[in-house]
Amino acid sequence: MSPLKTPEACTSLNDIRAGIDHYDRQIFEALEKRLGYVKAAVQFKANEQAIPAPERVVVMLKERLEWAAEAGFDPDFIETLFTQIIHWNIQQQIQHWRSLHQEAS
């Protein structure tokens, strides 16, 4: 595999696609690592009802929108993206909670 080129150094569509695939893989790996933290948080939750933490979601979304503004990203896109990520992770955490507490019963 040839080294990844910067966008400016790409000389073909294949170079571009290799760069996109590389960063898509990094996004996937980051989401996988994030989910590990989400599942680990279960040990600090008093009960299943504590998992959604809507006040934390509000703070997180506000912070991500600030990051979007700093990076010049469309805030609507970032809000939709992170809302989806957060709510999917909440559902995963609830499932993880239930699987752990089912085993303990």
PDB file of N, CA and C in Angstrom:
ATOM      1  N   MET A   1       0.846  -1.185   0.000  1.00  0.00           N
ATOM      2  CA  MET A   1       0.000   0.000   0.000  1.00  0.00           C
ATOM      3  C   MET A   1       0.889   1.245   0.000  1.00  0.00           C
ATOM      4  N   SER A   2       0.610   2.164  -0.875  1.00  0.00           N
ATOM      5  CA  SER A   2       1.409   3.379  -0.945  1.00  0.00           C
ATOM      6  C   SER A   2       1.005   4.336   0.172  1.00  0.00           C
ATOM      7  N   PRO A   3       1.940   5.221   0.544  1.00  0.00           N
ATOM      8  CA  PRO A   3       1.628   6.157   1.632  1.00  0.00           C
ATOM      9  C   PRO A   3       0.468   7.084   1.256  1.00  0.00           C
ATOM     10  N   LEU A   4      -0.273   7.464   2.281  1.00  0.00           N
ATOM     11  CA  LEU A   4      -1.409   8.357   2.082  1.00  0.00           C
ATOM     12  C   LEU A   4      -0.909   9.735   1.651  1.00  0.00           C
ATOM     13  N   LYS A   5      -1.512  10.258   0.620  1.00  0.00           N
ATOM     14  CA  LYS A   5      -1.137  11.580   0.124  1.00  0.00           C
ATOM     15  C   LYS A   5      -2.042  12.641   0.741  1.00  0.00           C
ATOM     16  N   THR A   6      -1.541  13.845   0.846  1.00  0.00           N
ATOM     17  CA  THR A   6      -2.394  14.960   1.257  1.00  0.00           C
ATOM     18  C   THR A   6      -3.378  15.237   0.130  1.00  0.00           C
ATOM     19  N   PRO A   7      -4.508  15.867   0.418  1.00  0.00           N
ATOM     20  CA  PRO A   7      -5.460  16.164  -0.661  1.00  0.00           C
ATOM     21  C   PRO A   7      -4.808  16.939  -1.816  1.00  0.00           C
ATOM     22  N   GLU A   8      -3.923  17.868  -1.486  1.00  0.00           N
ATOM     23  CA  GLU A   8      -3.285  18.689  -2.516  1.00  0.00           C
ATOM     24  C   GLU A   8      -2.303  17.887  -3.379  1.00  0.00           C
ATOM     25  N   ALA A   9      -1.762  16.800  -2.820  1.00  0.00           N
ATOM     26  CA  ALA A   9      -0.773  16.001  -3.540  1.00  0.00           C
ATOM     27  C   ALA A   9      -1.399  14.882  -4.372  1.00  0.00           C
ATOM     28  N   CYS A  10      -2.708  14.697  -4.254  1.00  0.00           N
ATOM     29  CA  CYS A  10      -3.381  13.627  -5.007  1.00  0.00           C
ATOM     30  C   CYS A  10      -3.296  13.902  -6.505  1.00  0.00           C
ATOM     31  N   THR A  11      -3.004  12.830  -7.243  1.00  0.00           N
ATOM     32  CA  THR A  11      -2.885  12.962  -8.696  1.00  0.00           C
ATOM     33  C   THR A  11      -3.921  12.121  -9.433  1.00  0.00           C
ATOM     34  N   SER A  12      -4.781  11.442  -8.670  1.00  0.00           N
ATOM     35  CA  SER A  12      -5.807  10.617  -9.309  1.00  0.00           C
ATOM     36  C   SER A  12      -7.000  10.450  -8.367  1.00  0.00           C
ATOM     37  N   LEU A  13      -8.088  10.001  -8.938  1.00  0.00           N
ATOM     38  CA  LEU A  13      -9.272   9.698  -8.138  1.00  0.00           C
ATOM     39  C   LEU A  13      -8.979   8.559  -7.163  1.00  0.00           C
ATOM     40  N   ASN A  14      -8.117   7.632  -7.557  1.00  0.00           N
ATOM     41  CA  ASN A  14      -7.731   6.550  -6.643  1.00  0.00           C
ATOM     42  C   ASN A  14      -7.023   7.087  -5.409  1.00  0.00           C
ATOM     43  N   ASP A  15      -6.173   8.101  -5.575  1.00  0.00           N
ATOM     44  CA  ASP A  15      -5.523   8.735  -4.428  1.00  0.00           C
ATOM     45  C   ASP A  15      -6.560   9.354  -3.500  1.00  0.00           C
ATOM     46  N   ILE A  16      -7.525  10.032  -4.092  1.00  0.00           N
ATOM     47  CA  ILE A  16      -8.600  10.669  -3.320  1.00  0.00           C
ATOM     48  C   ILE A  16      -9.377   9.612  -2.551  1.00  0.00           C
ATOM     49  N   ARG A  17      -9.755   8.552  -3.242  1.00  0.00           N
ATOM     50  CA  ARG A  17     -10.543   7.485  -2.604  1.00  0.00           C
ATOM     51  C   ARG A  17      -9.763   6.815  -1.486  1.00  0.00           C
ATOM     52  N   ALA A  18      -8.474   6.637  -1.667  1.00  0.00           N
ATOM     53  CA  ALA A  18      -7.644   6.042  -0.614  1.00  0.00           C
ATOM     54  C   ALA A  18      -7.655   6.927   0.627  1.00  0.00           C
ATOM     55  N   GLY A  19      -7.582   8.235   0.428  1.00  0.00           N
ATOM     56  CA  GLY A  19      -7.632   9.166   1.555  1.00  0.00           C
ATOM     57  C   GLY A  19      -8.971   9.120   2.267  1.00  0.00           C
ATOM     58  N   ILE A  20     -10.043   9.120   1.499  1.00  0.00           N
ATOM     59  CA  ILE A  20     -11.393   9.060   2.084  1.00  0.00           C
ATOM     60  C   ILE A  20     -11.575   7.751   2.851  1.00  0.00           C
ATOM     61  N   ASP A  21     -11.172   6.632   2.243  1.00  0.00           N
ATOM     62  CA  ASP A  21     -11.297   5.338   2.919  1.00  0.00           C
ATOM     63  C   ASP A  21     -10.492   5.310   4.216  1.00  0.00           C
ATOM     64  N   HIS A  22      -9.295   5.880   4.174  1.00  0.00           N
ATOM     65  CA  HIS A  22      -8.444   5.936   5.362  1.00  0.00           C
ATOM     66  C   HIS A  22      -9.151   6.670   6.508  1.00  0.00           C
ATOM     67  N   TYR A  23      -9.696   7.834   6.207  1.00  0.00           N
ATOM     68  CA  TYR A  23     -10.340   8.623   7.263  1.00  0.00           C
ATOM     69  C   TYR A  23     -11.693   8.051   7.674  1.00  0.00           C
ATOM     70  N   ASP A  24     -12.401   7.420   6.755  1.00  0.00           N
ATOM     71  CA  ASP A  24     -13.634   6.728   7.145  1.00  0.00           C
ATOM     72  C   ASP A  24     -13.323   5.606   8.133  1.00  0.00           C
ATOM     73  N   ARG A  25     -12.230   4.892   7.907  1.00  0.00           N
ATOM     74  CA  ARG A  25     -11.817   3.832   8.840  1.00  0.00           C
ATOM     75  C   ARG A  25     -11.495   4.440  10.205  1.00  0.00           C
ATOM     76  N   GLN A  26     -10.839   5.585  10.229  1.00  0.00           N
ATOM     77  CA  GLN A  26     -10.523   6.242  11.500  1.00  0.00           C
ATOM     78  C   GLN A  26     -11.800   6.679  12.226  1.00  0.00           C
ATOM     79  N   ILE A  27     -12.783   7.151  11.472  1.00  0.00           N
ATOM     80  CA  ILE A  27     -14.068   7.524  12.075  1.00  0.00           C
ATOM     81  C   ILE A  27     -14.709   6.296  12.710  1.00  0.00           C
ATOM     82  N   PHE A  28     -14.711   5.190  11.975  1.00  0.00           N
ATOM     83  CA  PHE A  28     -15.285   3.950  12.494  1.00  0.00           C
ATOM     84  C   PHE A  28     -14.563   3.518  13.771  1.00  0.00           C
ATOM     85  N   GLU A  29     -13.228   3.538  13.740  1.00  0.00           N
ATOM     86  CA  GLU A  29     -12.454   3.129  14.918  1.00  0.00           C
ATOM     87  C   GLU A  29     -12.711   4.057  16.097  1.00  0.00           C
ATOM     88  N   ALA A  30     -12.870   5.344  15.842  1.00  0.00           N
ATOM     89  CA  ALA A  30     -13.170   6.294  16.916  1.00  0.00           C
ATOM     90  C   ALA A  30     -14.547   6.013  17.512  1.00  0.00           C
ATOM     91  N   LEU A  31     -15.522   5.699  16.669  1.00  0.00           N
ATOM     92  CA  LEU A  31     -16.862   5.377  17.169  1.00  0.00           C
ATOM     93  C   LEU A  31     -16.832   4.097  18.007  1.00  0.00           C
ATOM     94  N   GLU A  32     -16.021   3.142  17.583  1.00  0.00           N
ATOM     95  CA  GLU A  32     -15.875   1.894  18.330  1.00  0.00           C
ATOM     96  C   GLU A  32     -15.261   2.166  19.710  1.00  0.00           C
ATOM     97  N   LYS A  33     -14.228   2.974  19.763  1.00  0.00           N
ATOM     98  CA  LYS A  33     -13.593   3.335  21.039  1.00  0.00           C
ATOM     99  C   LYS A  33     -14.548   4.133  21.913  1.00  0.00           C
ATOM    100  N   ARG A  34     -15.307   5.038  21.310  1.00  0.00           N
ATOM    101  CA  ARG A  34     -16.279   5.838  22.053  1.00  0.00           C
ATOM    102  C   ARG A  34     -17.301   4.926  22.719  1.00  0.00           C
ATOM    103  N   LEU A  35     -17.767   3.926  21.984  1.00  0.00           N
ATOM    104  CA  LEU A  35     -18.746   2.992  22.521  1.00  0.00           C
ATOM    105  C   LEU A  35     -18.175   2.229  23.713  1.00  0.00           C
ATOM    106  N   GLY A  36     -16.899   1.948  23.693  1.00  0.00           N
ATOM    107  CA  GLY A  36     -16.260   1.306  24.842  1.00  0.00           C
ATOM    108  C   GLY A  36     -16.389   2.151  26.091  1.00  0.00           C
ATOM    109  N   TYR A  37     -16.192   3.455  25.966  1.00  0.00           N
ATOM    110  CA  TYR A  37     -16.353   4.362  27.108  1.00  0.00           C
ATOM    111  C   TYR A  37     -17.812   4.431  27.549  1.00  0.00           C
ATOM    112  N   VAL A  38     -18.697   4.468  26.576  1.00  0.00           N
ATOM    113  CA  VAL A  38     -20.131   4.523  26.882  1.00  0.00           C
ATOM    114  C   VAL A  38     -20.539   3.301  27.698  1.00  0.00           C
ATOM    115  N   LYS A  39     -20.070   2.133  27.280  1.00  0.00           N
ATOM    116  CA  LYS A  39     -20.411   0.914  28.020  1.00  0.00           C
ATOM    117  C   LYS A  39     -19.750   0.896  29.389  1.00  0.00           C
ATOM    118  N   ALA A  40     -18.538   1.403  29.489  1.00  0.00           N
ATOM    119  CA  ALA A  40     -17.844   1.446  30.779  1.00  0.00           C
ATOM    120  C   ALA A  40     -18.562   2.361  31.773  1.00  0.00           C
ATOM    121  N   ALA A  41     -19.275   3.352  31.268  1.00  0.00           N
ATOM    122  CA  ALA A  41     -19.993   4.290  32.144  1.00  0.00           C
ATOM    123  C   ALA A  41     -21.091   3.612  32.942  1.00  0.00           C
ATOM    124  N   VAL A  42     -21.547   2.446  32.487  1.00  0.00           N
ATOM    125  CA  VAL A  42     -22.616   1.724  33.175  1.00  0.00           C
ATOM    126  C   VAL A  42     -22.266   1.490  34.644  1.00  0.00           C
ATOM    127  N   GLN A  43     -20.999   1.237  34.925  1.00  0.00           N
ATOM    128  CA  GLN A  43     -20.601   0.952  36.302  1.00  0.00           C
ATOM    129  C   GLN A  43     -20.806   2.142  37.239  1.00  0.00           C
ATOM    130  N   PHE A  44     -20.975   3.319  36.680  1.00  0.00           N
ATOM    131  CA  PHE A  44     -21.168   4.512  37.491  1.00  0.00           C
ATOM    132  C   PHE A  44     -22.618   5.000  37.504  1.00  0.00           C
ATOM    133  N   LYS A  45     -23.501   4.247  36.885  1.00  0.00           N
ATOM    134  CA  LYS A  45     -24.915   4.603  36.823  1.00  0.00           C
ATOM    135  C   LYS A  45     -25.669   3.844  37.910  1.00  0.00           C
ATOM    136  N   ALA A  46     -26.439   4.578  38.705  1.00  0.00           N
ATOM    137  CA  ALA A  46     -27.168   3.966  39.823  1.00  0.00           C
ATOM    138  C   ALA A  46     -28.248   3.012  39.338  1.00  0.00           C
ATOM    139  N   ASN A  47     -28.830   3.334  38.188  1.00  0.00           N
ATOM    140  CA  ASN A  47     -29.904   2.502  37.649  1.00  0.00           C
ATOM    141  C   ASN A  47     -30.063   2.814  36.162  1.00  0.00           C
ATOM    142  N   GLU A  48     -30.915   2.060  35.514  1.00  0.00           N
ATOM    143  CA  GLU A  48     -31.124   2.242  34.073  1.00  0.00           C
ATOM    144  C   GLU A  48     -31.685   3.628  33.749  1.00  0.00           C
ATOM    145  N   GLN A  49     -32.497   4.174  34.631  1.00  0.00           N
ATOM    146  CA  GLN A  49     -33.105   5.487  34.391  1.00  0.00           C
ATOM    147  C   GLN A  49     -32.062   6.605  34.369  1.00  0.00           C
ATOM    148  N   ALA A  50     -30.904   6.365  34.963  1.00  0.00           N
ATOM    149  CA  ALA A  50     -29.844   7.383  34.985  1.00  0.00           C
ATOM    150  C   ALA A  50     -29.060   7.434  33.668  1.00  0.00           C
ATOM    151  N   ILE A  51     -29.270   6.479  32.811  1.00  0.00           N
ATOM    152  CA  ILE A  51     -28.467   6.390  31.587  1.00  0.00           C
ATOM    153  C   ILE A  51     -28.693   7.554  30.620  1.00  0.00           C
ATOM    154  N   PRO A  52     -29.914   7.929  30.280  1.00  0.00           N
ATOM    155  CA  PRO A  52     -30.072   8.966  29.254  1.00  0.00           C
ATOM    156  C   PRO A  52     -29.418  10.317  29.590  1.00  0.00           C
ATOM    157  N   ALA A  53     -29.410  10.726  30.834  1.00  0.00           N
ATOM    158  CA  ALA A  53     -28.764  11.964  31.275  1.00  0.00           C
ATOM    159  C   ALA A  53     -29.004  13.138  30.317  1.00  0.00           C
ATOM    160  N   PRO A  54     -30.260  13.569  30.172  1.00  0.00           N
ATOM    161  CA  PRO A  54     -30.557  14.621  29.202  1.00  0.00           C
ATOM    162  C   PRO A  54     -29.785  15.923  29.431  1.00  0.00           C
ATOM    163  N   GLU A  55     -29.470  16.223  30.674  1.00  0.00           N
ATOM    164  CA  GLU A  55     -28.704  17.447  30.946  1.00  0.00           C
ATOM    165  C   GLU A  55     -27.295  17.334  30.354  1.00  0.00           C
ATOM    166  N   ARG A  56     -26.715  16.153  30.402  1.00  0.00           N
ATOM    167  CA  ARG A  56     -25.392  15.917  29.808  1.00  0.00           C
ATOM    168  C   ARG A  56     -25.471  16.011  28.288  1.00  0.00           C
ATOM    169  N   VAL A  57     -26.540  15.491  27.706  1.00  0.00           N
ATOM    170  CA  VAL A  57     -26.722  15.560  26.250  1.00  0.00           C
ATOM    171  C   VAL A  57     -26.765  17.019  25.792  1.00  0.00           C
ATOM    172  N   VAL A  58     -27.474  17.858  26.521  1.00  0.00           N
ATOM    173  CA  VAL A  58     -27.561  19.286  26.167  1.00  0.00           C
ATOM    174  C   VAL A  58     -26.174  19.923  26.193  1.00  0.00           C
ATOM    175  N   VAL A  59     -25.419  19.635  27.249  1.00  0.00           N
ATOM    176  CA  VAL A  59     -24.066  20.198  27.376  1.00  0.00           C
ATOM    177  C   VAL A  59     -23.161  19.688  26.242  1.00  0.00           C
ATOM    178  N   MET A  60     -23.253  18.395  25.963  1.00  0.00           N
ATOM    179  CA  MET A  60     -22.431  17.821  24.892  1.00  0.00           C
ATOM    180  C   MET A  60     -22.746  18.448  23.540  1.00  0.00           C
ATOM    181  N   LEU A  61     -24.031  18.563  23.218  1.00  0.00           N
ATOM    182  CA  LEU A  61     -24.403  19.132  21.922  1.00  0.00           C
ATOM    183  C   LEU A  61     -23.947  20.586  21.801  1.00  0.00           C
ATOM    184  N   LYS A  62     -24.082  21.338  22.883  1.00  0.00           N
ATOM    185  CA  LYS A  62     -23.632  22.731  22.861  1.00  0.00           C
ATOM    186  C   LYS A  62     -22.130  22.803  22.582  1.00  0.00           C
ATOM    187  N   GLU A  63     -21.375  21.944  23.251  1.00  0.00           N
ATOM    188  CA  GLU A  63     -19.932  21.925  23.050  1.00  0.00           C
ATOM    189  C   GLU A  63     -19.573  21.508  21.620  1.00  0.00           C
ATOM    190  N   ARG A  64     -20.249  20.503  21.086  1.00  0.00           N
ATOM    191  CA  ARG A  64     -19.966  20.059  19.718  1.00  0.00           C
ATOM    192  C   ARG A  64     -20.302  21.154  18.705  1.00  0.00           C
ATOM    193  N   LEU A  65     -21.342  21.931  18.982  1.00  0.00           N
ATOM    194  CA  LEU A  65     -21.686  23.050  18.099  1.00  0.00           C
ATOM    195  C   LEU A  65     -20.614  24.137  18.163  1.00  0.00           C
ATOM    196  N   GLU A  66     -20.026  24.336  19.333  1.00  0.00           N
ATOM    197  CA  GLU A  66     -18.909  25.280  19.449  1.00  0.00           C
ATOM    198  C   GLU A  66     -17.716  24.783  18.635  1.00  0.00           C
ATOM    199  N   TRP A  67     -17.450  23.472  18.729  1.00  0.00           N
ATOM    200  CA  TRP A  67     -16.354  22.893  17.933  1.00  0.00           C
ATOM    201  C   TRP A  67     -16.638  23.083  16.446  1.00  0.00           C
ATOM    202  N   ALA A  68     -17.891  22.891  16.054  1.00  0.00           N
ATOM    203  CA  ALA A  68     -18.273  23.051  14.652  1.00  0.00           C
ATOM    204  C   ALA A  68     -18.006  24.474  14.184  1.00  0.00           C
ATOM    205  N   ALA A  69     -18.399  25.434  14.997  1.00  0.00           N
ATOM    206  CA  ALA A  69     -18.187  26.841  14.635  1.00  0.00           C
ATOM    207  C   ALA A  69     -16.695  27.133  14.480  1.00  0.00           C
ATOM    208  N   GLU A  70     -15.879  26.618  15.399  1.00  0.00           N
ATOM    209  CA  GLU A  70     -14.431  26.839  15.338  1.00  0.00           C
ATOM    210  C   GLU A  70     -13.823  26.227  14.071  1.00  0.00           C
ATOM    211  N   ALA A  71     -14.363  25.085  13.651  1.00  0.00           N
ATOM    212  CA  ALA A  71     -13.824  24.380  12.490  1.00  0.00           C
ATOM    213  C   ALA A  71     -14.456  24.812  11.173  1.00  0.00           C
ATOM    214  N   GLY A  72     -15.513  25.651  11.253  1.00  0.00           N
ATOM    215  CA  GLY A  72     -16.184  26.097  10.043  1.00  0.00           C
ATOM    216  C   GLY A  72     -17.138  25.073   9.450  1.00  0.00           C
ATOM    217  N   PHE A  73     -17.625  24.148  10.289  1.00  0.00           N
ATOM    218  CA  PHE A  73     -18.590  23.147   9.839  1.00  0.00           C
ATOM    219  C   PHE A  73     -20.013  23.679   9.954  1.00  0.00           C
ATOM    220  N   ASP A  74     -20.874  23.154   9.135  1.00  0.00           N
ATOM    221  CA  ASP A  74     -22.291  23.491   9.179  1.00  0.00           C
ATOM    222  C   ASP A  74     -22.872  23.000  10.508  1.00  0.00           C
ATOM    223  N   PRO A  75     -23.384  23.909  11.344  1.00  0.00           N
ATOM    224  CA  PRO A  75     -23.888  23.504  12.655  1.00  0.00           C
ATOM    225  C   PRO A  75     -25.084  22.554  12.580  1.00  0.00           C
ATOM    226  N   ASP A  76     -25.921  22.691  11.572  1.00  0.00           N
ATOM    227  CA  ASP A  76     -27.067  21.783  11.438  1.00  0.00           C
ATOM    228  C   ASP A  76     -26.596  20.353  11.186  1.00  0.00           C
ATOM    229  N   PHE A  77     -25.583  20.210  10.345  1.00  0.00           N
ATOM    230  CA  PHE A  77     -25.026  18.886  10.070  1.00  0.00           C
ATOM    231  C   PHE A  77     -24.436  18.286  11.345  1.00  0.00           C
ATOM    232  N   ILE A  78     -23.652  19.070  12.058  1.00  0.00           N
ATOM    233  CA  ILE A  78     -22.990  18.580  13.279  1.00  0.00           C
ATOM    234  C   ILE A  78     -24.020  18.236  14.346  1.00  0.00           C
ATOM    235  N   GLU A  79     -25.047  19.057  14.493  1.00  0.00           N
ATOM    236  CA  GLU A  79     -26.081  18.765  15.482  1.00  0.00           C
ATOM    237  C   GLU A  79     -26.804  17.457  15.145  1.00  0.00           C
ATOM    238  N   THR A  80     -27.144  17.279  13.887  1.00  0.00           N
ATOM    239  CA  THR A  80     -27.805  16.040  13.462  1.00  0.00           C
ATOM    240  C   THR A  80     -26.885  14.838  13.670  1.00  0.00           C
ATOM    241  N   LEU A  81     -25.641  14.967  13.265  1.00  0.00           N
ATOM    242  CA  LEU A  81     -24.670  13.883  13.394  1.00  0.00           C
ATOM    243  C   LEU A  81     -24.497  13.466  14.851  1.00  0.00           C
ATOM    244  N   PHE A  82     -24.229  14.431  15.721  1.00  0.00           N
ATOM    245  CA  PHE A  82     -23.969  14.088  17.118  1.00  0.00           C
ATOM    246  C   PHE A  82     -25.233  13.690  17.864  1.00  0.00           C
ATOM    247  N   THR A  83     -26.361  14.222  17.492  1.00  0.00           N
ATOM    248  CA  THR A  83     -27.614  13.767  18.097  1.00  0.00           C
ATOM    249  C   THR A  83     -27.806  12.290  17.795  1.00  0.00           C
ATOM    250  N   GLN A  84     -27.562  11.905  16.559  1.00  0.00           N
ATOM    251  CA  GLN A  84     -27.679  10.499  16.152  1.00  0.00           C
ATOM    252  C   GLN A  84     -26.677   9.628  16.910  1.00  0.00           C
ATOM    253  N   ILE A  85     -25.428  10.057  16.966  1.00  0.00           N
ATOM    254  CA  ILE A  85     -24.389   9.292  17.670  1.00  0.00           C
ATOM    255  C   ILE A  85     -24.743   9.133  19.144  1.00  0.00           C
ATOM    256  N   ILE A  86     -25.117  10.227  19.781  1.00  0.00           N
ATOM    257  CA  ILE A  86     -25.417  10.203  21.218  1.00  0.00           C
ATOM    258  C   ILE A  86     -26.597   9.299  21.520  1.00  0.00           C
ATOM    259  N   HIS A  87     -27.671   9.440  20.779  1.00  0.00           N
ATOM    260  CA  HIS A  87     -28.867   8.645  21.075  1.00  0.00           C
ATOM    261  C   HIS A  87     -28.659   7.159  20.765  1.00  0.00           C
ATOM    262  N   TRP A  88     -27.897   6.855  19.722  1.00  0.00           N
ATOM    263  CA  TRP A  88     -27.580   5.456  19.446  1.00  0.00           C
ATOM    264  C   TRP A  88     -26.748   4.877  20.585  1.00  0.00           C
ATOM    265  N   ASN A  89     -25.770   5.660  21.073  1.00  0.00           N
ATOM    266  CA  ASN A  89     -24.930   5.201  22.175  1.00  0.00           C
ATOM    267  C   ASN A  89     -25.729   5.024  23.457  1.00  0.00           C
ATOM    268  N   ILE A  90     -26.704   5.883  23.697  1.00  0.00           N
ATOM    269  CA  ILE A  90     -27.569   5.726  24.869  1.00  0.00           C
ATOM    270  C   ILE A  90     -28.300   4.389  24.784  1.00  0.00           C
ATOM    271  N   GLN A  91     -28.827   4.073  23.609  1.00  0.00           N
ATOM    272  CA  GLN A  91     -29.522   2.795  23.442  1.00  0.00           C
ATOM    273  C   GLN A  91     -28.572   1.611  23.661  1.00  0.00           C
ATOM    274  N   GLN A  92     -27.358   1.743  23.183  1.00  0.00           N
ATOM    275  CA  GLN A  92     -26.363   0.690  23.396  1.00  0.00           C
ATOM    276  C   GLN A  92     -26.033   0.538  24.884  1.00  0.00           C
ATOM    277  N   GLN A  93     -25.961   1.660  25.577  1.00  0.00           N
ATOM    278  CA  GLN A  93     -25.665   1.622  27.010  1.00  0.00           C
ATOM    279  C   GLN A  93     -26.806   0.971  27.780  1.00  0.00           C
ATOM    280  N   ILE A  94     -28.028   1.275  27.398  1.00  0.00           N
ATOM    281  CA  ILE A  94     -29.191   0.653  28.044  1.00  0.00           C
ATOM    282  C   ILE A  94     -29.155  -0.852  27.813  1.00  0.00           C
ATOM    283  N   GLN A  95     -28.881  -1.288  26.594  1.00  0.00           N
ATOM    284  CA  GLN A  95     -28.798  -2.725  26.309  1.00  0.00           C
ATOM    285  C   GLN A  95     -27.686  -3.377  27.125  1.00  0.00           C
ATOM    286  N   HIS A  96     -26.563  -2.685  27.234  1.00  0.00           N
ATOM    287  CA  HIS A  96     -25.437  -3.208  28.008  1.00  0.00           C
ATOM    288  C   HIS A  96     -25.817  -3.315  29.485  1.00  0.00           C
ATOM    289  N   TRP A  97     -26.464  -2.290  30.014  1.00  0.00           N
ATOM    290  CA  TRP A  97     -26.941  -2.295  31.400  1.00  0.00           C
ATOM    291  C   TRP A  97     -27.835  -3.514  31.647  1.00  0.00           C
ATOM    292  N   ARG A  98     -28.786  -3.683  30.745  1.00  0.00           N
ATOM    293  CA  ARG A  98     -29.739  -4.793  30.899  1.00  0.00           C
ATOM    294  C   ARG A  98     -29.030  -6.145  30.836  1.00  0.00           C
ATOM    295  N   SER A  99     -28.081  -6.280  29.930  1.00  0.00           N
ATOM    296  CA  SER A  99     -27.377  -7.575  29.828  1.00  0.00           C
ATOM    297  C   SER A  99     -26.565  -7.848  31.091  1.00  0.00           C
ATOM    298  N   LEU A 100     -25.945  -6.842  31.652  1.00  0.00           N
ATOM    299  CA  LEU A 100     -25.179  -7.030  32.884  1.00  0.00           C
ATOM    300  C   LEU A 100     -26.072  -7.347  34.083  1.00  0.00           C
ATOM    301  N   HIS A 101     -27.209  -6.676  34.145  1.00  0.00           N
ATOM    302  CA  HIS A 101     -28.090  -6.869  35.299  1.00  0.00           C
ATOM    303  C   HIS A 101     -28.957  -8.117  35.164  1.00  0.00           C
ATOM    304  N   GLN A 102     -29.136  -8.588  33.963  1.00  0.00           N
ATOM    305  CA  GLN A 102     -29.820  -9.862  33.754  1.00  0.00           C
ATOM    306  C   GLN A 102     -28.935 -10.998  34.257  1.00  0.00           C
ATOM    307  N   GLU A 103     -27.646 -10.892  33.933  1.00  0.00           N
ATOM    308  CA  GLU A 103     -26.686 -11.910  34.356  1.00  0.00           C
ATOM    309  C   GLU A 103     -26.549 -11.947  35.869  1.00  0.00           C
ATOM    310  N   ALA A 104     -26.655 -10.776  36.504  1.00  0.00           N
ATOM    311  CA  ALA A 104     -26.493 -10.685  37.956  1.00  0.00           C
ATOM    312  C   ALA A 104     -27.704 -11.236  38.709  1.00  0.00           C
ATOM    313  N   SER A 105     -28.847 -11.292  38.038  1.00  0.00           N
ATOM    314  CA  SER A 105     -30.073 -11.750  38.683  1.00  0.00           C
ATOM    315  C   SER A 105     -30.104 -13.249  38.866  1.00  0.00           C
TER     316      SER A 105
END
